[in-house]
Amino acid sequence: MKNLPAHGILYKIPQKFPAKEVGPTEKKGIKIAAQNRKAYHDYFVEDKYEAGIELFGTEVKSIRAGTLNLKDSYCTVKDGELFVHSMHISPYEKGNIFNRDPVRTRRLLMHRREIRKLHALIKQDGYTLVPLSVYFKDARVKVEIGLCKGKKNYDKREASAKRDAAREIDRTMKERNR
């Protein structure tokens, strides 16, 4: 029971639902396993989508251990299905015969209409699908996919110059406020 003062009078309010203890398997939230920082350097990210991924048990354990590399990975649409290529998941140490090929093509799980929409967009000139991050959401592995357009070298230099300028501004403001 809680005591809350209201206009000088104490009321006792019973708690109908006591706090429920949450076990380790019931904890909700997002835990990022890997990010593709190179994608933000090489592409303009126009839009982001969330997809599930079809994995085997030892691959999930390996991702939990953090042995995942998204560098140079990309997505394709074939026969109405979405696939991710060259995503490297290292073999699980204790997986013996159940380990799979580290760079095999893996199917991504999205609604059919979303896949059709993405396929229509990547048919356009210059667009591609790139995995931006892999994370756990409520104990399921999810992949964040970005609809991206390639950057030219001068775009990369311009982005780098803006980032450096912002960093310099922050540094001077921090020194001025001391």
N, C-alpha and C. Protein backbone atom coordinates (compact mmCIF):
# COMPACT_ATOMS: atom_id res chain seq x y z
N MET A 1 0.83 -1.17 0.00
CA MET A 1 0.00 0.00 0.00
C MET A 1 0.87 1.24 0.00
N LYS A 2 0.41 2.25 -0.71
CA LYS A 2 1.15 3.52 -0.79
C LYS A 2 0.41 4.60 -0.02
N ASN A 3 1.16 5.47 0.59
CA ASN A 3 0.59 6.64 1.25
C ASN A 3 0.88 7.85 0.38
N LEU A 4 -0.16 8.51 -0.08
CA LEU A 4 -0.01 9.70 -0.91
C LEU A 4 -0.71 10.87 -0.24
N PRO A 5 0.03 11.96 0.00
CA PRO A 5 -0.63 13.13 0.59
C PRO A 5 -1.44 13.87 -0.48
N ALA A 6 -2.68 14.20 -0.13
CA ALA A 6 -3.53 14.98 -1.02
C ALA A 6 -4.33 15.95 -0.16
N HIS A 7 -4.03 17.23 -0.25
CA HIS A 7 -4.71 18.27 0.50
C HIS A 7 -4.62 18.03 2.01
N GLY A 8 -3.47 17.58 2.48
CA GLY A 8 -3.27 17.40 3.90
C GLY A 8 -3.86 16.13 4.47
N ILE A 9 -4.51 15.30 3.65
CA ILE A 9 -5.11 14.06 4.12
C ILE A 9 -4.33 12.89 3.52
N LEU A 10 -4.06 11.91 4.33
CA LEU A 10 -3.36 10.73 3.83
C LEU A 10 -4.38 9.68 3.41
N TYR A 11 -4.26 9.24 2.18
CA TYR A 11 -5.12 8.16 1.68
C TYR A 11 -4.27 6.92 1.50
N LYS A 12 -4.84 5.78 1.77
CA LYS A 12 -4.16 4.51 1.53
C LYS A 12 -4.73 3.92 0.25
N ILE A 13 -3.86 3.79 -0.74
CA ILE A 13 -4.26 3.23 -2.03
C ILE A 13 -3.69 1.83 -2.14
N PRO A 14 -4.55 0.83 -2.23
CA PRO A 14 -4.02 -0.54 -2.36
C PRO A 14 -3.43 -0.77 -3.75
N GLN A 15 -2.37 -1.54 -3.80
CA GLN A 15 -1.78 -1.92 -5.08
C GLN A 15 -2.43 -3.21 -5.53
N LYS A 16 -3.16 -3.15 -6.63
CA LYS A 16 -3.86 -4.34 -7.12
C LYS A 16 -2.90 -5.31 -7.76
N PHE A 17 -1.91 -4.78 -8.47
CA PHE A 17 -0.99 -5.65 -9.20
C PHE A 17 0.42 -5.42 -8.69
N PRO A 18 0.92 -6.31 -7.85
CA PRO A 18 2.29 -6.13 -7.36
C PRO A 18 3.29 -6.28 -8.51
N ALA A 19 4.46 -5.69 -8.33
CA ALA A 19 5.49 -5.76 -9.37
C ALA A 19 5.87 -7.21 -9.63
N LYS A 20 5.83 -7.59 -10.89
CA LYS A 20 6.15 -8.95 -11.28
C LYS A 20 7.65 -9.06 -11.56
N GLU A 21 8.24 -10.11 -11.04
CA GLU A 21 9.66 -10.32 -11.31
C GLU A 21 9.80 -10.90 -12.70
N VAL A 22 10.78 -10.39 -13.41
CA VAL A 22 11.00 -10.83 -14.79
C VAL A 22 12.23 -11.71 -14.83
N GLY A 23 12.05 -12.91 -15.38
CA GLY A 23 13.16 -13.85 -15.51
C GLY A 23 14.09 -13.46 -16.64
N PRO A 24 15.26 -14.09 -16.73
CA PRO A 24 16.23 -13.72 -17.76
C PRO A 24 15.73 -13.99 -19.18
N THR A 25 14.85 -14.97 -19.36
CA THR A 25 14.36 -15.26 -20.70
C THR A 25 13.23 -14.34 -21.10
N GLU A 26 12.63 -13.64 -20.14
CA GLU A 26 11.49 -12.77 -20.43
C GLU A 26 11.89 -11.31 -20.60
N LYS A 27 13.17 -11.01 -20.43
CA LYS A 27 13.59 -9.61 -20.52
C LYS A 27 13.40 -9.12 -21.95
N LYS A 28 12.77 -7.98 -22.07
CA LYS A 28 12.50 -7.39 -23.37
C LYS A 28 13.54 -6.32 -23.66
N GLY A 29 13.69 -6.02 -24.92
CA GLY A 29 14.59 -4.94 -25.28
C GLY A 29 15.41 -5.29 -26.50
N ILE A 30 16.26 -4.35 -26.87
CA ILE A 30 17.07 -4.49 -28.07
C ILE A 30 18.54 -4.49 -27.66
N LYS A 31 19.28 -5.50 -28.15
CA LYS A 31 20.70 -5.59 -27.91
C LYS A 31 21.39 -5.70 -29.27
N ILE A 32 22.19 -4.71 -29.60
CA ILE A 32 22.85 -4.69 -30.91
C ILE A 32 24.02 -5.66 -30.91
N ALA A 33 24.04 -6.54 -31.94
CA ALA A 33 25.11 -7.52 -32.06
C ALA A 33 26.23 -7.01 -32.98
N ALA A 34 25.85 -6.32 -34.08
CA ALA A 34 26.86 -5.80 -35.01
C ALA A 34 26.27 -4.64 -35.80
N GLN A 35 27.14 -3.72 -36.20
CA GLN A 35 26.72 -2.61 -37.04
C GLN A 35 27.62 -2.51 -38.25
N ASN A 36 27.06 -2.01 -39.35
CA ASN A 36 27.81 -1.85 -40.58
C ASN A 36 28.11 -0.36 -40.76
N ARG A 37 29.20 0.10 -40.15
CA ARG A 37 29.54 1.52 -40.21
C ARG A 37 30.02 1.91 -41.60
N LYS A 38 30.59 0.96 -42.32
CA LYS A 38 31.09 1.24 -43.66
C LYS A 38 29.95 1.62 -44.60
N ALA A 39 28.76 1.07 -44.35
CA ALA A 39 27.60 1.37 -45.20
C ALA A 39 27.26 2.86 -45.12
N TYR A 40 27.35 3.45 -43.93
CA TYR A 40 27.05 4.87 -43.78
C TYR A 40 28.12 5.73 -44.48
N HIS A 41 29.31 5.20 -44.60
CA HIS A 41 30.38 5.92 -45.28
C HIS A 41 30.23 5.82 -46.80
N ASP A 42 29.81 4.67 -47.30
CA ASP A 42 29.75 4.43 -48.74
C ASP A 42 28.41 4.78 -49.38
N TYR A 43 27.35 4.92 -48.58
CA TYR A 43 26.01 5.12 -49.15
C TYR A 43 25.25 6.23 -48.43
N PHE A 44 24.29 6.81 -49.14
CA PHE A 44 23.27 7.65 -48.52
C PHE A 44 22.13 6.71 -48.15
N VAL A 45 21.76 6.63 -46.88
CA VAL A 45 20.69 5.74 -46.44
C VAL A 45 19.37 6.50 -46.58
N GLU A 46 18.55 6.08 -47.54
CA GLU A 46 17.28 6.74 -47.83
C GLU A 46 16.19 6.29 -46.86
N ASP A 47 16.12 4.98 -46.59
CA ASP A 47 15.05 4.43 -45.75
C ASP A 47 15.56 3.19 -45.05
N LYS A 48 14.96 2.87 -43.90
CA LYS A 48 15.38 1.70 -43.12
C LYS A 48 14.20 0.76 -42.93
N TYR A 49 14.48 -0.55 -42.95
CA TYR A 49 13.46 -1.58 -42.75
C TYR A 49 14.00 -2.62 -41.79
N GLU A 50 13.07 -3.29 -41.10
CA GLU A 50 13.43 -4.37 -40.18
C GLU A 50 13.01 -5.69 -40.77
N ALA A 51 13.89 -6.68 -40.72
CA ALA A 51 13.58 -8.01 -41.24
C ALA A 51 14.10 -9.06 -40.27
N GLY A 52 13.40 -10.18 -40.25
CA GLY A 52 13.91 -11.33 -39.51
C GLY A 52 14.93 -12.04 -40.38
N ILE A 53 15.65 -12.98 -39.82
CA ILE A 53 16.63 -13.73 -40.59
C ILE A 53 16.54 -15.20 -40.23
N GLU A 54 16.67 -16.04 -41.24
CA GLU A 54 16.58 -17.48 -41.06
C GLU A 54 17.96 -18.02 -40.69
N LEU A 55 18.12 -18.49 -39.46
CA LEU A 55 19.40 -18.96 -38.97
C LEU A 55 19.28 -20.34 -38.34
N PHE A 56 20.41 -21.00 -38.17
CA PHE A 56 20.47 -22.25 -37.43
C PHE A 56 20.95 -21.96 -36.01
N GLY A 57 20.75 -22.90 -35.11
CA GLY A 57 21.02 -22.68 -33.69
C GLY A 57 22.44 -22.27 -33.38
N THR A 58 23.42 -22.91 -34.03
CA THR A 58 24.81 -22.56 -33.75
C THR A 58 25.14 -21.17 -34.26
N GLU A 59 24.45 -20.72 -35.31
CA GLU A 59 24.68 -19.37 -35.82
C GLU A 59 24.18 -18.33 -34.82
N VAL A 60 23.05 -18.60 -34.19
CA VAL A 60 22.51 -17.68 -33.19
C VAL A 60 23.46 -17.59 -32.00
N LYS A 61 24.00 -18.74 -31.58
CA LYS A 61 24.94 -18.73 -30.46
C LYS A 61 26.21 -17.96 -30.82
N SER A 62 26.64 -18.10 -32.06
CA SER A 62 27.82 -17.39 -32.52
C SER A 62 27.56 -15.88 -32.56
N ILE A 63 26.36 -15.47 -32.97
CA ILE A 63 26.01 -14.04 -32.98
C ILE A 63 25.97 -13.51 -31.56
N ARG A 64 25.43 -14.29 -30.63
CA ARG A 64 25.42 -13.86 -29.22
C ARG A 64 26.83 -13.65 -28.70
N ALA A 65 27.78 -14.46 -29.20
CA ALA A 65 29.18 -14.31 -28.80
C ALA A 65 29.83 -13.10 -29.47
N GLY A 66 29.15 -12.52 -30.47
CA GLY A 66 29.66 -11.31 -31.12
C GLY A 66 30.58 -11.56 -32.29
N THR A 67 30.56 -12.76 -32.88
CA THR A 67 31.45 -13.07 -33.99
C THR A 67 30.70 -12.94 -35.31
N LEU A 68 30.39 -11.70 -35.66
CA LEU A 68 29.60 -11.40 -36.85
C LEU A 68 30.23 -10.22 -37.57
N ASN A 69 30.29 -10.30 -38.91
CA ASN A 69 30.86 -9.22 -39.70
C ASN A 69 29.92 -8.88 -40.84
N LEU A 70 29.48 -7.62 -40.91
CA LEU A 70 28.57 -7.16 -41.96
C LEU A 70 29.28 -6.42 -43.08
N LYS A 71 30.58 -6.28 -42.99
CA LYS A 71 31.33 -5.52 -43.99
C LYS A 71 31.17 -6.18 -45.36
N ASP A 72 30.89 -5.39 -46.38
CA ASP A 72 30.73 -5.83 -47.77
C ASP A 72 29.53 -6.74 -47.99
N SER A 73 28.58 -6.78 -47.06
CA SER A 73 27.38 -7.60 -47.27
C SER A 73 26.32 -6.78 -47.99
N TYR A 74 25.46 -7.47 -48.70
CA TYR A 74 24.40 -6.81 -49.47
C TYR A 74 23.21 -7.74 -49.57
N CYS A 75 22.07 -7.20 -50.01
CA CYS A 75 20.83 -7.97 -50.12
C CYS A 75 20.35 -8.00 -51.57
N THR A 76 19.72 -9.11 -51.93
CA THR A 76 19.12 -9.24 -53.26
C THR A 76 17.72 -9.80 -53.12
N VAL A 77 16.91 -9.58 -54.16
CA VAL A 77 15.57 -10.15 -54.23
C VAL A 77 15.57 -11.14 -55.38
N LYS A 78 15.16 -12.38 -55.09
CA LYS A 78 15.10 -13.42 -56.12
C LYS A 78 13.85 -14.26 -55.90
N ASP A 79 13.03 -14.37 -56.92
CA ASP A 79 11.78 -15.15 -56.87
C ASP A 79 10.88 -14.72 -55.71
N GLY A 80 10.80 -13.44 -55.45
CA GLY A 80 9.93 -12.93 -54.39
C GLY A 80 10.45 -13.15 -52.99
N GLU A 81 11.72 -13.54 -52.86
CA GLU A 81 12.34 -13.74 -51.55
C GLU A 81 13.55 -12.82 -51.43
N LEU A 82 13.84 -12.43 -50.20
CA LEU A 82 14.93 -11.51 -49.92
C LEU A 82 16.09 -12.30 -49.30
N PHE A 83 17.29 -12.12 -49.85
CA PHE A 83 18.47 -12.84 -49.37
C PHE A 83 19.57 -11.87 -49.02
N VAL A 84 20.38 -12.23 -48.03
CA VAL A 84 21.57 -11.45 -47.67
C VAL A 84 22.79 -12.29 -48.04
N HIS A 85 23.75 -11.62 -48.70
CA HIS A 85 24.96 -12.29 -49.18
C HIS A 85 26.18 -11.75 -48.45
N SER A 86 27.19 -12.59 -48.33
CA SER A 86 28.50 -12.30 -47.72
C SER A 86 28.43 -11.68 -46.32
N MET A 87 27.45 -12.11 -45.54
CA MET A 87 27.41 -11.78 -44.11
C MET A 87 28.18 -12.91 -43.42
N HIS A 88 29.27 -12.57 -42.77
CA HIS A 88 30.14 -13.59 -42.18
C HIS A 88 29.78 -13.83 -40.72
N ILE A 89 29.31 -15.04 -40.43
CA ILE A 89 29.06 -15.46 -39.04
C ILE A 89 30.05 -16.58 -38.75
N SER A 90 31.00 -16.33 -37.88
CA SER A 90 32.04 -17.33 -37.58
C SER A 90 31.43 -18.59 -37.01
N PRO A 91 32.04 -19.76 -37.29
CA PRO A 91 31.51 -21.01 -36.73
C PRO A 91 31.56 -20.99 -35.20
N TYR A 92 30.54 -21.56 -34.60
CA TYR A 92 30.46 -21.63 -33.14
C TYR A 92 31.50 -22.64 -32.65
N GLU A 93 32.27 -22.27 -31.62
CA GLU A 93 33.38 -23.09 -31.15
C GLU A 93 32.95 -24.49 -30.72
N LYS A 94 31.80 -24.57 -30.05
CA LYS A 94 31.36 -25.86 -29.52
C LYS A 94 30.29 -26.51 -30.41
N GLY A 95 30.21 -26.06 -31.66
CA GLY A 95 29.13 -26.51 -32.53
C GLY A 95 29.42 -27.77 -33.32
N ASN A 96 30.63 -28.23 -33.39
CA ASN A 96 31.13 -29.39 -34.15
C ASN A 96 30.39 -29.60 -35.49
N ILE A 97 29.63 -30.68 -35.67
CA ILE A 97 29.03 -31.00 -36.97
C ILE A 97 27.86 -30.11 -37.33
N PHE A 98 27.34 -29.36 -36.39
CA PHE A 98 26.16 -28.54 -36.65
C PHE A 98 26.50 -27.16 -37.23
N ASN A 99 27.79 -26.83 -37.29
CA ASN A 99 28.19 -25.54 -37.85
C ASN A 99 27.92 -25.50 -39.34
N ARG A 100 27.56 -24.32 -39.83
CA ARG A 100 27.28 -24.11 -41.25
C ARG A 100 28.39 -23.27 -41.87
N ASP A 101 28.33 -23.11 -43.18
CA ASP A 101 29.28 -22.29 -43.90
C ASP A 101 29.18 -20.84 -43.40
N PRO A 102 30.28 -20.21 -43.02
CA PRO A 102 30.23 -18.87 -42.43
C PRO A 102 29.66 -17.79 -43.35
N VAL A 103 29.84 -17.91 -44.67
CA VAL A 103 29.38 -16.85 -45.57
C VAL A 103 28.24 -17.32 -46.47
N ARG A 104 27.49 -18.30 -46.04
CA ARG A 104 26.39 -18.79 -46.88
C ARG A 104 25.32 -17.72 -47.06
N THR A 105 24.53 -17.86 -48.12
CA THR A 105 23.43 -16.94 -48.38
C THR A 105 22.30 -17.27 -47.41
N ARG A 106 21.80 -16.23 -46.73
CA ARG A 106 20.74 -16.43 -45.74
C ARG A 106 19.48 -15.69 -46.17
N ARG A 107 18.33 -16.31 -45.91
CA ARG A 107 17.07 -15.71 -46.30
C ARG A 107 16.60 -14.75 -45.22
N LEU A 108 16.09 -13.60 -45.67
CA LEU A 108 15.52 -12.62 -44.76
C LEU A 108 14.01 -12.76 -44.78
N LEU A 109 13.37 -12.51 -43.65
CA LEU A 109 11.94 -12.71 -43.49
C LEU A 109 11.22 -11.36 -43.41
N MET A 110 10.44 -11.09 -44.46
CA MET A 110 9.62 -9.88 -44.50
C MET A 110 8.29 -10.24 -45.16
N HIS A 111 7.33 -9.34 -45.03
CA HIS A 111 6.06 -9.55 -45.69
C HIS A 111 6.24 -9.45 -47.21
N ARG A 112 5.45 -10.21 -47.93
CA ARG A 112 5.57 -10.28 -49.38
C ARG A 112 5.40 -8.90 -50.03
N ARG A 113 4.44 -8.12 -49.53
CA ARG A 113 4.22 -6.80 -50.14
C ARG A 113 5.41 -5.88 -49.90
N GLU A 114 6.07 -6.00 -48.74
CA GLU A 114 7.26 -5.19 -48.48
C GLU A 114 8.40 -5.59 -49.41
N ILE A 115 8.54 -6.89 -49.64
CA ILE A 115 9.60 -7.37 -50.54
C ILE A 115 9.34 -6.87 -51.96
N ARG A 116 8.08 -6.92 -52.39
CA ARG A 116 7.74 -6.42 -53.74
C ARG A 116 8.04 -4.93 -53.86
N LYS A 117 7.73 -4.18 -52.82
CA LYS A 117 7.99 -2.74 -52.81
C LYS A 117 9.50 -2.48 -52.89
N LEU A 118 10.29 -3.22 -52.11
CA LEU A 118 11.74 -3.05 -52.14
C LEU A 118 12.31 -3.44 -53.50
N HIS A 119 11.78 -4.51 -54.08
CA HIS A 119 12.26 -4.97 -55.39
C HIS A 119 12.02 -3.90 -56.44
N ALA A 120 10.85 -3.26 -56.39
CA ALA A 120 10.55 -2.18 -57.34
C ALA A 120 11.50 -1.00 -57.13
N LEU A 121 11.85 -0.70 -55.88
CA LEU A 121 12.75 0.42 -55.60
C LEU A 121 14.18 0.15 -56.05
N ILE A 122 14.66 -1.10 -55.85
CA ILE A 122 16.06 -1.37 -56.22
C ILE A 122 16.23 -1.57 -57.72
N LYS A 123 15.13 -1.73 -58.43
CA LYS A 123 15.24 -1.75 -59.90
C LYS A 123 15.60 -0.37 -60.42
N GLN A 124 15.28 0.66 -59.65
CA GLN A 124 15.62 2.02 -60.05
C GLN A 124 17.14 2.20 -60.06
N ASP A 125 17.58 3.18 -60.77
CA ASP A 125 19.01 3.40 -60.95
C ASP A 125 19.69 3.82 -59.66
N GLY A 126 20.73 3.09 -59.28
CA GLY A 126 21.57 3.49 -58.16
C GLY A 126 21.15 3.04 -56.78
N TYR A 127 20.02 2.38 -56.63
CA TYR A 127 19.58 1.93 -55.31
C TYR A 127 20.04 0.51 -55.04
N THR A 128 20.35 0.24 -53.78
CA THR A 128 20.72 -1.10 -53.36
C THR A 128 20.24 -1.31 -51.92
N LEU A 129 20.17 -2.57 -51.51
CA LEU A 129 19.79 -2.91 -50.14
C LEU A 129 21.04 -3.37 -49.40
N VAL A 130 21.29 -2.73 -48.26
CA VAL A 130 22.49 -3.02 -47.48
C VAL A 130 22.09 -3.28 -46.04
N PRO A 131 22.55 -4.39 -45.42
CA PRO A 131 22.30 -4.60 -43.99
C PRO A 131 23.08 -3.58 -43.17
N LEU A 132 22.36 -2.84 -42.32
CA LEU A 132 22.99 -1.79 -41.52
C LEU A 132 23.38 -2.29 -40.14
N SER A 133 22.54 -3.17 -39.55
CA SER A 133 22.88 -3.71 -38.23
C SER A 133 22.13 -5.02 -38.01
N VAL A 134 22.65 -5.80 -37.09
CA VAL A 134 22.02 -7.04 -36.63
C VAL A 134 21.85 -6.90 -35.13
N TYR A 135 20.64 -7.19 -34.64
CA TYR A 135 20.37 -7.01 -33.22
C TYR A 135 19.37 -8.05 -32.74
N PHE A 136 19.32 -8.20 -31.42
CA PHE A 136 18.34 -9.08 -30.78
C PHE A 136 17.17 -8.23 -30.31
N LYS A 137 15.97 -8.63 -30.68
CA LYS A 137 14.77 -7.95 -30.24
C LYS A 137 13.86 -9.01 -29.66
N ASP A 138 13.65 -8.97 -28.36
CA ASP A 138 12.85 -9.97 -27.66
C ASP A 138 13.33 -11.39 -27.98
N ALA A 139 14.63 -11.62 -27.89
CA ALA A 139 15.26 -12.92 -28.09
C ALA A 139 15.19 -13.42 -29.53
N ARG A 140 14.83 -12.58 -30.48
CA ARG A 140 14.86 -12.94 -31.89
C ARG A 140 15.91 -12.08 -32.60
N VAL A 141 16.56 -12.68 -33.58
CA VAL A 141 17.58 -11.96 -34.33
C VAL A 141 16.90 -11.17 -35.45
N LYS A 142 17.16 -9.88 -35.51
CA LYS A 142 16.60 -9.01 -36.54
C LYS A 142 17.73 -8.33 -37.29
N VAL A 143 17.45 -7.99 -38.55
CA VAL A 143 18.41 -7.28 -39.39
C VAL A 143 17.78 -5.97 -39.81
N GLU A 144 18.51 -4.88 -39.65
CA GLU A 144 18.04 -3.59 -40.13
C GLU A 144 18.63 -3.39 -41.53
N ILE A 145 17.75 -3.24 -42.51
CA ILE A 145 18.16 -3.11 -43.90
C ILE A 145 17.96 -1.66 -44.32
N GLY A 146 18.93 -1.13 -45.04
CA GLY A 146 18.82 0.23 -45.53
C GLY A 146 18.68 0.26 -47.04
N LEU A 147 17.74 1.06 -47.52
CA LEU A 147 17.62 1.33 -48.94
C LEU A 147 18.60 2.47 -49.22
N CYS A 148 19.66 2.17 -49.98
CA CYS A 148 20.79 3.09 -50.08
C CYS A 148 21.07 3.49 -51.52
N LYS A 149 21.65 4.65 -51.63
CA LYS A 149 22.12 5.16 -52.92
C LYS A 149 23.61 5.44 -52.75
N GLY A 150 24.43 5.00 -53.70
CA GLY A 150 25.88 5.12 -53.59
C GLY A 150 26.38 6.54 -53.55
N LYS A 151 27.44 6.76 -52.77
CA LYS A 151 28.09 8.06 -52.69
C LYS A 151 29.26 8.09 -53.67
N LYS A 152 29.49 9.24 -54.23
CA LYS A 152 30.68 9.47 -55.04
C LYS A 152 31.80 9.90 -54.10
N ASN A 153 33.03 9.93 -54.60
CA ASN A 153 34.16 10.30 -53.75
C ASN A 153 34.03 11.72 -53.19
N TYR A 154 33.52 12.65 -54.01
CA TYR A 154 33.39 14.02 -53.50
C TYR A 154 32.33 14.10 -52.42
N ASP A 155 31.30 13.22 -52.47
CA ASP A 155 30.30 13.19 -51.40
C ASP A 155 30.92 12.71 -50.09
N LYS A 156 31.80 11.73 -50.20
CA LYS A 156 32.46 11.20 -49.00
C LYS A 156 33.36 12.26 -48.37
N ARG A 157 34.08 13.01 -49.23
CA ARG A 157 34.95 14.07 -48.71
C ARG A 157 34.13 15.18 -48.04
N GLU A 158 33.00 15.51 -48.66
CA GLU A 158 32.13 16.55 -48.10
C GLU A 158 31.57 16.13 -46.74
N ALA A 159 31.14 14.86 -46.63
CA ALA A 159 30.62 14.35 -45.36
C ALA A 159 31.71 14.36 -44.29
N SER A 160 32.92 13.98 -44.69
CA SER A 160 34.04 13.98 -43.75
C SER A 160 34.36 15.40 -43.28
N ALA A 161 34.31 16.38 -44.20
CA ALA A 161 34.58 17.77 -43.84
C ALA A 161 33.52 18.30 -42.89
N LYS A 162 32.25 17.97 -43.12
CA LYS A 162 31.17 18.40 -42.21
C LYS A 162 31.35 17.80 -40.82
N ARG A 163 31.71 16.52 -40.78
CA ARG A 163 31.90 15.85 -39.50
C ARG A 163 33.06 16.48 -38.73
N ASP A 164 34.16 16.78 -39.43
CA ASP A 164 35.31 17.41 -38.78
C ASP A 164 34.97 18.82 -38.29
N ALA A 165 34.20 19.57 -39.09
CA ALA A 165 33.80 20.92 -38.69
C ALA A 165 32.91 20.88 -37.45
N ALA A 166 31.97 19.94 -37.42
CA ALA A 166 31.09 19.81 -36.25
C ALA A 166 31.90 19.44 -35.01
N ARG A 167 32.87 18.58 -35.18
CA ARG A 167 33.72 18.17 -34.06
C ARG A 167 34.52 19.37 -33.54
N GLU A 168 35.04 20.18 -34.45
CA GLU A 168 35.82 21.36 -34.06
C GLU A 168 34.95 22.39 -33.34
N ILE A 169 33.71 22.57 -33.81
CA ILE A 169 32.78 23.49 -33.16
C ILE A 169 32.47 23.01 -31.75
N ASP A 170 32.21 21.72 -31.60
CA ASP A 170 31.94 21.17 -30.26
C ASP A 170 33.13 21.37 -29.34
N ARG A 171 34.33 21.18 -29.86
CA ARG A 171 35.54 21.30 -29.05
C ARG A 171 35.71 22.75 -28.57
N THR A 172 35.52 23.71 -29.45
CA THR A 172 35.67 25.12 -29.05
C THR A 172 34.57 25.55 -28.09
N MET A 173 33.37 25.09 -28.28
CA MET A 173 32.28 25.42 -27.36
C MET A 173 32.55 24.84 -25.97
N LYS A 174 33.10 23.64 -25.93
CA LYS A 174 33.40 23.00 -24.66
C LYS A 174 34.49 23.79 -23.91
N GLU A 175 35.51 24.26 -24.64
CA GLU A 175 36.58 25.04 -24.03
C GLU A 175 36.09 26.41 -23.56
N ARG A 176 35.17 26.99 -24.33
CA ARG A 176 34.64 28.30 -23.99
C ARG A 176 33.77 28.24 -22.74
N ASN A 177 33.08 27.16 -22.51
CA ASN A 177 32.17 27.02 -21.37
C ASN A 177 32.91 26.68 -20.08
N ARG A 178 34.20 26.43 -20.14
CA ARG A 178 34.95 26.07 -18.93
C ARG A 178 35.21 27.25 -18.05
